Amino acid sequence: KSLQYPSFPEAIAAVAALAIDAEEMDHHPDIDIRWRTVNLTLCTHSAGGITQFDIELAHKIEAHAPNT
């Protein structure tokens, strides 16, 4: 998922908020930040693919998506 924010500080703030959700789930996305764009990849490496944890975290990621 790629999310574009109005500014770099807003992108970082969104990642920080998402980090709290991910830590609570003990399930962490791969994150790549490029200026205002945050790229997130979900995969349960130990399971070799997508699991219910990834789906649940994807819903939380959507909650942090910018309103564009």
Protein backbone atom coordinates (compact mmCIF):
# COMPACT_ATOMS: atom_id res chain seq x y z
CA LYS A 1 0.00 0.00 0.00
CA SER A 2 1.30 3.47 -0.84
CA LEU A 3 -0.02 6.44 1.08
CA GLN A 4 0.80 10.02 0.15
CA TYR A 5 0.60 12.75 2.78
CA PRO A 6 0.56 16.54 2.38
CA SER A 7 3.97 16.89 4.04
CA PHE A 8 6.94 14.89 5.31
CA PRO A 9 6.13 15.59 8.98
CA GLU A 10 2.56 14.32 8.45
CA ALA A 11 3.90 11.15 6.83
CA ILE A 12 6.21 10.56 9.79
CA ALA A 13 3.39 11.23 12.27
CA ALA A 14 1.19 8.68 10.49
CA VAL A 15 3.97 6.08 10.65
CA ALA A 16 4.42 6.79 14.36
CA ALA A 17 0.69 6.26 14.96
CA LEU A 18 0.72 3.08 12.91
CA ALA A 19 3.74 1.85 14.85
CA ILE A 20 1.68 1.89 18.04
CA ASP A 21 -1.02 -0.28 16.45
CA ALA A 22 1.57 -2.65 14.98
CA GLU A 23 3.39 -2.99 18.29
CA GLU A 24 0.14 -3.74 20.14
CA MET A 25 -0.53 -6.51 17.61
CA ASP A 26 3.11 -7.68 17.69
CA HIS A 27 2.86 -7.67 13.89
CA HIS A 28 4.98 -5.19 11.97
CA PRO A 29 4.81 -4.03 8.35
CA ASP A 30 7.82 -3.35 6.19
CA ILE A 31 7.92 0.45 5.87
CA ASP A 32 9.65 2.57 3.24
CA ILE A 33 9.36 6.36 3.54
CA ARG A 34 10.11 8.52 0.50
CA TRP A 35 9.48 12.19 1.30
CA ARG A 36 5.65 12.39 1.55
CA THR A 37 4.98 8.83 0.42
CA VAL A 38 4.84 5.91 2.83
CA ASN A 39 5.01 2.43 1.28
CA LEU A 40 3.84 -0.45 3.44
CA THR A 41 4.19 -4.16 2.77
CA LEU A 42 2.45 -6.85 4.79
CA CYS A 43 3.48 -10.47 4.92
CA THR A 44 3.75 -12.98 7.72
CA HIS A 45 7.23 -14.22 6.93
CA SER A 46 7.00 -17.15 9.36
CA ALA A 47 3.88 -18.37 7.52
CA GLY A 48 5.26 -17.67 4.06
CA GLY A 49 2.42 -15.37 3.02
CA ILE A 50 -0.65 -13.39 4.02
CA THR A 51 -2.45 -14.29 7.25
CA GLN A 52 -5.33 -12.90 9.27
CA PHE A 53 -2.83 -10.70 11.14
CA ASP A 54 -1.96 -9.00 7.85
CA ILE A 55 -5.60 -8.40 7.05
CA GLU A 56 -6.28 -6.94 10.50
CA LEU A 57 -3.23 -4.68 10.25
CA ALA A 58 -4.30 -3.60 6.76
CA HIS A 59 -7.56 -2.31 8.25
CA LYS A 60 -5.58 -0.33 10.83
CA ILE A 61 -3.37 1.07 8.07
CA GLU A 62 -6.48 2.30 6.26
CA ALA A 63 -7.47 4.15 9.43
CA HIS A 64 -4.19 6.12 9.17
CA ALA A 65 -4.60 6.84 5.46
CA PRO A 66 -4.78 10.51 4.47
CA ASN A 67 -8.18 11.87 3.51
CA THR A 68 -7.45 12.54 -0.15
